C-alpha cells in the first residue's frame, strides 16, 4: 500500500504539459516538486558542472556568454580577435585603408650606420621618387660634395648620376677629437644641395630620399673596385663613351688601407 500510494503521488505531481507548437514535453521544475527534487530529476550538464567548478576555484571569475572570436556567429559573420603587445603602437592607416609609405619604411631611418675610424665609406643616396636631375642641378650636387672635402671628410671619389649619387670618403676628426658621424656628413651635403637645387629651379619640396646606403671598405682591393665601379657607371648607363668625358665625376687621393 505504501509503495502504491508513493507511485500515485509521483503520477499526480509530474503532470505532463504538451507545447502546442512543437509537441515537446515540458516537465515541471524540481523547485515546485518535492519528489523530483530528491534525485529523480535529470543529471546536470557538463557546462553547468564546469561553471560551478570555476566559481569554487576562482571567486572572482566572471562567466560570459560572449561567443568565441573567429567562430561563425548567429548573424553569419565571424569575429576576429587581435592581440597587441604591451607598449606597441597601433597602426595608423591612410584614407585608402593602407599603411603609409613613410610608416612602412620608417624602420630604415632608425637603423645604425656602421663606420670605423680611418676607414673609407662607400655611400649611395638617391633623389626623391627617383626624380631625374637636370645637368645644371647635378653640377651643383657635385660642388656641394667637394665643398666638404678637407673639412669633414677626405673625398676620394664622387659621381652624380641623373637620379642618384655615389661617394667614397673617409670621415675626418672634429676639433672635439671625435670622428664626424655619417648622418651629420650626409645632412650637410644633402641639405646644402637641396636648397641650392630648389633655388636654381624655382621649386619647393624634397629633393632626396630620407635614407642613404653605406658600406665600409676594409681592403685596398675593395676600395679600388668601388672607385672603378663608380667611374664606369656613366659608361654603363650610356651617357658617355669614356669615363673621363662625364662632367659630374671627381677623383681625389686614393689611400692605402
C-alpha atoms as a PDB file:
ATOM      1  CA  UNK A   1       0.000   0.000   0.000  1.00  0.00           C
ATOM      2  CA  UNK A   2       2.829   2.381   0.850  1.00  0.00           C
ATOM      3  CA  UNK A   3       4.574   1.805  -2.493  1.00  0.00           C
ATOM      4  CA  UNK A   4       1.323   2.198  -4.458  1.00  0.00           C
ATOM      5  CA  UNK A   5       0.497   5.452  -2.674  1.00  0.00           C
ATOM      6  CA  UNK A   6       4.005   6.831  -3.379  1.00  0.00           C
ATOM      7  CA  UNK A   7       3.724   5.991  -7.112  1.00  0.00           C
ATOM      8  CA  UNK A   8       0.306   7.683  -7.273  1.00  0.00           C
ATOM      9  CA  UNK A   9       1.798  10.844  -5.800  1.00  0.00           C
ATOM     10  CA  UNK A  10       4.518  10.839  -8.441  1.00  0.00           C
ATOM     11  CA  UNK A  11       1.974  10.443 -11.251  1.00  0.00           C
ATOM     12  CA  UNK A  12      -0.211  13.279  -9.968  1.00  0.00           C
ATOM     13  CA  UNK A  13       2.671  15.721  -9.261  1.00  0.00           C
ATOM     14  CA  UNK A  14       4.506  15.136 -12.579  1.00  0.00           C
ATOM     15  CA  UNK A  15       1.689  16.040 -14.899  1.00  0.00           C
ATOM     16  CA  UNK A  16       2.969  16.403 -18.491  1.00  0.00           C
ATOM     17  CA  UNK A  17       2.145  19.545 -20.473  1.00  0.00           C
ATOM     18  CA  UNK A  18       2.274  19.422 -24.269  1.00  0.00           C
ATOM     19  CA  UNK A  19       3.552  22.516 -26.058  1.00  0.00           C
ATOM     20  CA  UNK A  20       1.053  23.193 -28.859  1.00  0.00           C
ATOM     21  CA  UNK A  21       3.650  24.496 -31.408  1.00  0.00           C
ATOM     22  CA  UNK A  22       6.389  21.870 -31.084  1.00  0.00           C
ATOM     23  CA  UNK A  23       4.923  18.850 -29.381  1.00  0.00           C
ATOM     24  CA  UNK A  24       7.837  18.748 -26.908  1.00  0.00           C
ATOM     25  CA  UNK A  25       7.193  17.715 -23.301  1.00  0.00           C
ATOM     26  CA  UNK A  26       7.841  20.204 -20.547  1.00  0.00           C
ATOM     27  CA  UNK A  27       8.494  18.577 -17.172  1.00  0.00           C
ATOM     28  CA  UNK A  28       7.793  20.787 -14.145  1.00  0.00           C
ATOM     29  CA  UNK A  29      10.899  22.042 -12.426  1.00  0.00           C
ATOM     30  CA  UNK A  30      12.158  20.348  -9.293  1.00  0.00           C
ATOM     31  CA  UNK A  31      11.781  23.621  -7.370  1.00  0.00           C
ATOM     32  CA  UNK A  32       7.987  23.122  -7.137  1.00  0.00           C
ATOM     33  CA  UNK A  33       8.119  19.328  -6.980  1.00  0.00           C
ATOM     34  CA  UNK A  34       9.452  17.805  -3.737  1.00  0.00           C
ATOM     35  CA  UNK A  35       9.721  14.316  -5.226  1.00  0.00           C
ATOM     36  CA  UNK A  36      11.619  15.368  -8.383  1.00  0.00           C
ATOM     37  CA  UNK A  37      13.961  17.390  -6.202  1.00  0.00           C
ATOM     38  CA  UNK A  38      15.189  14.196  -4.462  1.00  0.00           C
ATOM     39  CA  UNK A  39      17.224  12.780  -7.329  1.00  0.00           C
ATOM     40  CA  UNK A  40      14.598  11.860  -9.899  1.00  0.00           C
ATOM     41  CA  UNK A  41      15.444  14.997 -11.991  1.00  0.00           C
ATOM     42  CA  UNK A  42      17.999  14.670 -14.852  1.00  0.00           C
ATOM     43  CA  UNK A  43      21.728  14.992 -14.076  1.00  0.00           C
ATOM     44  CA  UNK A  44      23.434  18.405 -14.535  1.00  0.00           C
ATOM     45  CA  UNK A  45      25.099  19.133 -17.848  1.00  0.00           C
ATOM     46  CA  UNK A  46      28.856  19.297 -18.438  1.00  0.00           C
ATOM     47  CA  UNK A  47      28.714  23.062 -18.964  1.00  0.00           C
ATOM     48  CA  UNK A  48      26.981  23.708 -15.656  1.00  0.00           C
ATOM     49  CA  UNK A  49      29.478  21.494 -13.795  1.00  0.00           C
ATOM     50  CA  UNK A  50      32.366  23.403 -15.414  1.00  0.00           C
ATOM     51  CA  UNK A  51      30.918  26.780 -14.432  1.00  0.00           C
ATOM     52  CA  UNK A  52      30.360  25.570 -10.886  1.00  0.00           C
ATOM     53  CA  UNK A  53      33.946  24.364 -10.663  1.00  0.00           C
ATOM     54  CA  UNK A  54      35.232  27.733 -11.866  1.00  0.00           C
ATOM     55  CA  UNK A  55      33.185  29.566  -9.258  1.00  0.00           C
ATOM     56  CA  UNK A  56      34.624  27.407  -6.479  1.00  0.00           C
ATOM     57  CA  UNK A  57      38.238  27.684  -7.631  1.00  0.00           C
ATOM     58  CA  UNK A  58      38.221  31.378  -8.538  1.00  0.00           C
ATOM     59  CA  UNK A  59      35.889  33.520  -6.536  1.00  0.00           C
ATOM     60  CA  UNK A  60      36.070  36.436  -8.947  1.00  0.00           C
ATOM     61  CA  UNK A  61      35.720  34.539 -12.198  1.00  0.00           C
ATOM     62  CA  UNK A  62      33.171  36.214 -14.447  1.00  0.00           C
ATOM     63  CA  UNK A  63      31.393  33.811 -16.728  1.00  0.00           C
ATOM     64  CA  UNK A  64      30.360  35.354 -20.012  1.00  0.00           C
ATOM     65  CA  UNK A  65      28.117  34.011 -22.717  1.00  0.00           C
ATOM     66  CA  UNK A  66      30.060  36.010 -25.358  1.00  0.00           C
ATOM     67  CA  UNK A  67      30.721  33.808 -28.433  1.00  0.00           C
ATOM     68  CA  UNK A  68      34.257  32.797 -29.222  1.00  0.00           C
ATOM     69  CA  UNK A  69      36.146  35.007 -31.705  1.00  0.00           C
ATOM     70  CA  UNK A  70      36.848  33.522 -35.107  1.00  0.00           C
ATOM     71  CA  UNK A  71      33.768  31.289 -34.958  1.00  0.00           C
ATOM     72  CA  UNK A  72      30.628  31.698 -37.006  1.00  0.00           C
ATOM     73  CA  UNK A  73      28.141  33.857 -35.101  1.00  0.00           C
ATOM     74  CA  UNK A  74      24.316  33.858 -35.247  1.00  0.00           C
ATOM     75  CA  UNK A  75      24.404  36.770 -37.683  1.00  0.00           C
ATOM     76  CA  UNK A  76      26.568  34.748 -40.069  1.00  0.00           C
ATOM     77  CA  UNK A  77      29.687  36.884 -39.525  1.00  0.00           C
ATOM     78  CA  UNK A  78      32.988  36.000 -37.923  1.00  0.00           C
ATOM     79  CA  UNK A  79      34.635  37.812 -35.058  1.00  0.00           C
ATOM     80  CA  UNK A  80      38.417  38.231 -35.328  1.00  0.00           C
ATOM     81  CA  UNK A  81      40.437  38.653 -32.144  1.00  0.00           C
ATOM     82  CA  UNK A  82      43.501  40.898 -32.480  1.00  0.00           C
ATOM     83  CA  UNK A  83      46.109  40.984 -29.728  1.00  0.00           C
ATOM     84  CA  UNK A  84      48.646  43.802 -29.282  1.00  0.00           C
ATOM     85  CA  UNK A  85      51.798  43.550 -27.169  1.00  0.00           C
ATOM     86  CA  UNK A  86      52.130  45.902 -24.237  1.00  0.00           C
ATOM     87  CA  UNK A  87      53.709  49.161 -25.386  1.00  0.00           C
ATOM     88  CA  UNK A  88      53.173  48.513 -29.091  1.00  0.00           C
ATOM     89  CA  UNK A  89      51.686  51.351 -31.081  1.00  0.00           C
ATOM     90  CA  UNK A  90      48.557  50.738 -33.161  1.00  0.00           C
ATOM     91  CA  UNK A  91      48.809  51.000 -36.915  1.00  0.00           C
ATOM     92  CA  UNK A  92      47.504  54.188 -38.468  1.00  0.00           C
ATOM     93  CA  UNK A  93      46.015  53.876 -41.905  1.00  0.00           C
ATOM     94  CA  UNK A  94      45.624  56.368 -44.683  1.00  0.00           C
ATOM     95  CA  UNK A  95      42.295  57.253 -46.217  1.00  0.00           C
ATOM     96  CA  UNK A  96      42.642  54.307 -48.589  1.00  0.00           C
ATOM     97  CA  UNK A  97      42.981  51.868 -45.690  1.00  0.00           C
ATOM     98  CA  UNK A  98      46.677  51.171 -46.309  1.00  0.00           C
ATOM     99  CA  UNK A  99      49.746  51.838 -44.219  1.00  0.00           C
ATOM    100  CA  UNK A 100      51.528  54.944 -45.462  1.00  0.00           C
ATOM    101  CA  UNK A 101      54.894  54.604 -47.175  1.00  0.00           C
ATOM    102  CA  UNK A 102      56.573  56.709 -44.505  1.00  0.00           C
ATOM    103  CA  UNK A 103      55.377  54.326 -41.793  1.00  0.00           C
ATOM    104  CA  UNK A 104      56.228  51.267 -43.849  1.00  0.00           C
ATOM    105  CA  UNK A 105      59.857  52.301 -44.255  1.00  0.00           C
ATOM    106  CA  UNK A 106      60.223  54.185 -41.008  1.00  0.00           C
ATOM    107  CA  UNK A 107      62.396  51.405 -39.570  1.00  0.00           C
ATOM    108  CA  UNK A 108      65.118  52.133 -42.129  1.00  0.00           C
ATOM    109  CA  UNK A 109      65.834  55.578 -40.740  1.00  0.00           C
ATOM    110  CA  UNK A 110      66.353  54.140 -37.250  1.00  0.00           C
ATOM    111  CA  UNK A 111      68.982  51.617 -38.321  1.00  0.00           C
ATOM    112  CA  UNK A 112      72.510  52.449 -37.078  1.00  0.00           C
ATOM    113  CA  UNK A 113      75.180  53.422 -39.620  1.00  0.00           C
ATOM    114  CA  UNK A 114      78.323  51.365 -39.048  1.00  0.00           C
ATOM    115  CA  UNK A 115      81.573  53.253 -39.541  1.00  0.00           C
ATOM    116  CA  UNK A 116      85.158  52.727 -38.408  1.00  0.00           C
ATOM    117  CA  UNK A 117      87.832  55.310 -37.798  1.00  0.00           C
ATOM    118  CA  UNK A 118      90.255  55.814 -40.701  1.00  0.00           C
ATOM    119  CA  UNK A 119      88.209  53.534 -42.947  1.00  0.00           C
ATOM    120  CA  UNK A 120      86.673  54.753 -46.237  1.00  0.00           C
ATOM    121  CA  UNK A 121      82.909  54.588 -46.700  1.00  0.00           C
ATOM    122  CA  UNK A 122      81.061  53.891 -49.921  1.00  0.00           C
ATOM    123  CA  UNK A 123      77.787  55.850 -49.787  1.00  0.00           C
ATOM    124  CA  UNK A 124      74.854  55.962 -52.222  1.00  0.00           C
ATOM    125  CA  UNK A 125      71.867  58.308 -51.975  1.00  0.00           C
ATOM    126  CA  UNK A 126      69.005  58.797 -54.437  1.00  0.00           C
ATOM    127  CA  UNK A 127      66.622  61.541 -55.441  1.00  0.00           C
ATOM    128  CA  UNK A 128      63.083  61.681 -54.103  1.00  0.00           C
ATOM    129  CA  UNK A 129      60.887  59.304 -56.103  1.00  0.00           C
ATOM    130  CA  UNK A 130      63.843  58.813 -58.470  1.00  0.00           C
ATOM    131  CA  UNK A 131      63.418  62.326 -59.835  1.00  0.00           C
ATOM    132  CA  UNK A 132      65.810  62.964 -62.770  1.00  0.00           C
ATOM    133  CA  UNK A 133      68.035  65.952 -62.073  1.00  0.00           C
ATOM    134  CA  UNK A 134      68.923  68.288 -64.918  1.00  0.00           C
ATOM    135  CA  UNK A 135      72.610  68.654 -65.735  1.00  0.00           C
ATOM    136  CA  UNK A 136      72.887  72.027 -64.010  1.00  0.00           C
ATOM    137  CA  UNK A 137      71.486  70.561 -60.791  1.00  0.00           C
ATOM    138  CA  UNK A 138      73.882  67.636 -60.966  1.00  0.00           C
ATOM    139  CA  UNK A 139      76.810  70.026 -61.133  1.00  0.00           C
ATOM    140  CA  UNK A 140      75.523  71.759 -58.003  1.00  0.00           C
ATOM    141  CA  UNK A 141      75.393  68.457 -56.139  1.00  0.00           C
ATOM    142  CA  UNK A 142      78.992  67.696 -57.104  1.00  0.00           C
ATOM    143  CA  UNK A 143      80.109  71.114 -55.876  1.00  0.00           C
ATOM    144  CA  UNK A 144      78.374  70.536 -52.533  1.00  0.00           C
ATOM    145  CA  UNK A 145      80.196  67.209 -52.148  1.00  0.00           C
ATOM    146  CA  UNK A 146      83.580  68.756 -52.950  1.00  0.00           C
ATOM    147  CA  UNK A 147      82.869  71.586 -50.508  1.00  0.00           C
ATOM    148  CA  UNK A 148      83.052  69.126 -47.582  1.00  0.00           C
ATOM    149  CA  UNK A 149      86.450  67.867 -48.764  1.00  0.00           C
ATOM    150  CA  UNK A 150      89.173  68.626 -46.178  1.00  0.00           C
ATOM    151  CA  UNK A 151      86.540  69.915 -43.725  1.00  0.00           C
ATOM    152  CA  UNK A 152      84.504  66.951 -42.522  1.00  0.00           C
ATOM    153  CA  UNK A 153      85.684  64.281 -44.974  1.00  0.00           C
ATOM    154  CA  UNK A 154      88.579  63.320 -47.180  1.00  0.00           C
ATOM    155  CA  UNK A 155      86.839  62.774 -50.504  1.00  0.00           C
ATOM    156  CA  UNK A 156      88.328  60.045 -52.688  1.00  0.00           C
ATOM    157  CA  UNK A 157      85.715  59.879 -55.459  1.00  0.00           C
ATOM    158  CA  UNK A 158      82.334  61.408 -56.239  1.00  0.00           C
ATOM    159  CA  UNK A 159      79.840  60.739 -59.012  1.00  0.00           C
ATOM    160  CA  UNK A 160      76.455  62.375 -59.555  1.00  0.00           C
ATOM    161  CA  UNK A 161      74.093  60.481 -61.858  1.00  0.00           C
ATOM    162  CA  UNK A 162      70.686  61.748 -63.056  1.00  0.00           C
ATOM    163  CA  UNK A 163      68.775  60.158 -60.141  1.00  0.00           C
ATOM    164  CA  UNK A 164      71.431  59.120 -57.601  1.00  0.00           C
ATOM    165  CA  UNK A 165      74.961  59.841 -56.404  1.00  0.00           C
ATOM    166  CA  UNK A 166      77.949  57.775 -55.235  1.00  0.00           C
ATOM    167  CA  UNK A 167      80.569  58.965 -52.768  1.00  0.00           C
ATOM    168  CA  UNK A 168      83.731  57.370 -51.398  1.00  0.00           C
ATOM    169  CA  UNK A 169      85.264  59.256 -48.493  1.00  0.00           C
ATOM    170  CA  UNK A 170      86.929  58.913 -45.103  1.00  0.00           C
ATOM    171  CA  UNK A 171      85.422  60.898 -42.197  1.00  0.00           C
ATOM    172  CA  UNK A 172      87.850  63.300 -40.520  1.00  0.00           C
ATOM    173  CA  UNK A 173      88.413  64.113 -36.866  1.00  0.00           C
ATOM    174  CA  UNK A 174      86.482  67.071 -35.473  1.00  0.00           C
ATOM    175  CA  UNK A 175      88.029  69.777 -33.221  1.00  0.00           C
ATOM    176  CA  UNK A 176      86.425  67.923 -30.302  1.00  0.00           C
ATOM    177  CA  UNK A 177      88.646  64.925 -31.177  1.00  0.00           C
ATOM    178  CA  UNK A 178      85.673  62.902 -32.376  1.00  0.00           C
ATOM    179  CA  UNK A 179      85.125  61.412 -35.813  1.00  0.00           C
ATOM    180  CA  UNK A 180      82.410  63.137 -37.810  1.00  0.00           C
ATOM    181  CA  UNK A 181      79.410  60.819 -37.981  1.00  0.00           C
ATOM    182  CA  UNK A 182      77.939  59.699 -41.272  1.00  0.00           C
ATOM    183  CA  UNK A 183      74.439  61.133 -40.551  1.00  0.00           C
ATOM    184  CA  UNK A 184      75.957  64.571 -39.846  1.00  0.00           C
ATOM    185  CA  UNK A 185      78.052  64.473 -43.012  1.00  0.00           C
ATOM    186  CA  UNK A 186      75.149  63.454 -45.223  1.00  0.00           C
ATOM    187  CA  UNK A 187      72.890  66.045 -43.616  1.00  0.00           C
ATOM    188  CA  UNK A 188      75.352  68.767 -44.588  1.00  0.00           C
ATOM    189  CA  UNK A 189      75.786  67.569 -48.163  1.00  0.00           C
ATOM    190  CA  UNK A 190      72.166  66.725 -48.937  1.00  0.00           C
ATOM    191  CA  UNK A 191      70.721  69.733 -47.131  1.00  0.00           C
ATOM    192  CA  UNK A 192      73.001  72.237 -48.867  1.00  0.00           C
ATOM    193  CA  UNK A 193      72.450  70.601 -52.272  1.00  0.00           C
ATOM    194  CA  UNK A 194      68.656  70.520 -51.842  1.00  0.00           C
ATOM    195  CA  UNK A 195      68.487  74.230 -51.010  1.00  0.00           C
ATOM    196  CA  UNK A 196      70.616  75.193 -53.997  1.00  0.00           C
ATOM    197  CA  UNK A 197      68.665  72.961 -56.394  1.00  0.00           C
ATOM    198  CA  UNK A 198      65.300  74.338 -55.293  1.00  0.00           C
ATOM    199  CA  UNK A 199      66.636  77.890 -55.603  1.00  0.00           C
ATOM    200  CA  UNK A 200      68.045  77.165 -59.052  1.00  0.00           C
ATOM    201  CA  UNK A 201      64.886  75.555 -60.403  1.00  0.00           C
ATOM    202  CA  UNK A 202      62.435  77.778 -58.541  1.00  0.00           C
ATOM    203  CA  UNK A 203      60.700  74.893 -56.820  1.00  0.00           C
ATOM    204  CA  UNK A 204      59.868  73.693 -53.326  1.00  0.00           C
ATOM    205  CA  UNK A 205      59.734  70.270 -51.742  1.00  0.00           C
ATOM    206  CA  UNK A 206      62.048  67.339 -51.037  1.00  0.00           C
ATOM    207  CA  UNK A 207      64.939  66.538 -53.347  1.00  0.00           C
ATOM    208  CA  UNK A 208      66.454  63.429 -51.733  1.00  0.00           C
ATOM    209  CA  UNK A 209      65.191  60.244 -50.212  1.00  0.00           C
ATOM    210  CA  UNK A 210      65.445  60.122 -46.427  1.00  0.00           C
ATOM    211  CA  UNK A 211      67.832  57.195 -46.258  1.00  0.00           C
ATOM    212  CA  UNK A 212      71.262  56.577 -47.742  1.00  0.00           C
ATOM    213  CA  UNK A 213      73.033  53.243 -48.130  1.00  0.00           C
ATOM    214  CA  UNK A 214      76.616  52.851 -46.969  1.00  0.00           C
ATOM    215  CA  UNK A 215      79.308  50.208 -46.864  1.00  0.00           C
ATOM    216  CA  UNK A 216      82.651  50.147 -45.038  1.00  0.00           C
ATOM    217  CA  UNK A 217      85.629  49.417 -47.317  1.00  0.00           C
ATOM    218  CA  UNK A 218      88.128  47.200 -45.488  1.00  0.00           C
ATOM    219  CA  UNK A 219      90.834  46.477 -48.070  1.00  0.00           C
ATOM    220  CA  UNK A 220      92.724  48.108 -50.923  1.00  0.00           C
ATOM    221  CA  UNK A 221      91.104  45.710 -53.386  1.00  0.00           C
ATOM    222  CA  UNK A 222      87.563  46.631 -52.393  1.00  0.00           C
ATOM    223  CA  UNK A 223      88.432  50.344 -52.452  1.00  0.00           C
ATOM    224  CA  UNK A 224      89.896  50.118 -55.966  1.00  0.00           C
ATOM    225  CA  UNK A 225      86.915  48.066 -57.173  1.00  0.00           C
ATOM    226  CA  UNK A 226      84.379  50.601 -55.866  1.00  0.00           C
ATOM    227  CA  UNK A 227      86.223  53.562 -57.380  1.00  0.00           C
ATOM    228  CA  UNK A 228      86.386  51.825 -60.749  1.00  0.00           C
ATOM    229  CA  UNK A 229      82.730  50.884 -60.422  1.00  0.00           C
ATOM    230  CA  UNK A 230      81.511  54.443 -59.943  1.00  0.00           C
ATOM    231  CA  UNK A 231      83.822  55.749 -62.691  1.00  0.00           C
ATOM    232  CA  UNK A 232      82.360  53.289 -65.189  1.00  0.00           C
ATOM    233  CA  UNK A 233      78.766  53.959 -64.128  1.00  0.00           C
ATOM    234  CA  UNK A 234      78.114  56.715 -66.735  1.00  0.00           C
ATOM    235  CA  UNK A 235      79.545  54.472 -69.460  1.00  0.00           C
ATOM    236  CA  UNK A 236      77.280  51.572 -68.474  1.00  0.00           C
ATOM    237  CA  UNK A 237      74.289  53.918 -68.453  1.00  0.00           C
ATOM    238  CA  UNK A 238      75.083  55.066 -71.995  1.00  0.00           C
ATOM    239  CA  UNK A 239      75.612  58.709 -71.016  1.00  0.00           C
ATOM    240  CA  UNK A 240      79.197  58.882 -72.339  1.00  0.00           C
ATOM    241  CA  UNK A 241      81.581  56.621 -74.209  1.00  0.00           C
ATOM    242  CA  UNK A 242      84.574  57.336 -71.982  1.00  0.00           C
ATOM    243  CA  UNK A 243      84.507  57.838 -68.223  1.00  0.00           C
ATOM    244  CA  UNK A 244      86.696  60.947 -68.449  1.00  0.00           C
ATOM    245  CA  UNK A 245      84.058  62.672 -70.602  1.00  0.00           C
ATOM    246  CA  UNK A 246      81.444  62.711 -67.866  1.00  0.00           C
ATOM    247  CA  UNK A 247      81.361  66.184 -66.258  1.00  0.00           C
ATOM    248  CA  UNK A 248      79.945  65.186 -62.848  1.00  0.00           C
ATOM    249  CA  UNK A 249      82.792  62.839 -61.879  1.00  0.00           C
ATOM    250  CA  UNK A 250      85.537  63.759 -59.407  1.00  0.00           C
ATOM    251  CA  UNK A 251      88.505  61.739 -58.178  1.00  0.00           C
ATOM    252  CA  UNK A 252      90.944  62.514 -55.389  1.00  0.00           C
ATOM    253  CA  UNK A 253      93.706  60.755 -53.498  1.00  0.00           C
ATOM    254  CA  UNK A 254      93.314  57.013 -53.039  1.00  0.00           C
ATOM    255  CA  UNK A 255      94.557  55.939 -49.591  1.00  0.00           C
ATOM    256  CA  UNK A 256      96.411  52.739 -48.802  1.00  0.00           C
ATOM    257  CA  UNK A 257      94.497  50.648 -46.281  1.00  0.00           C
END
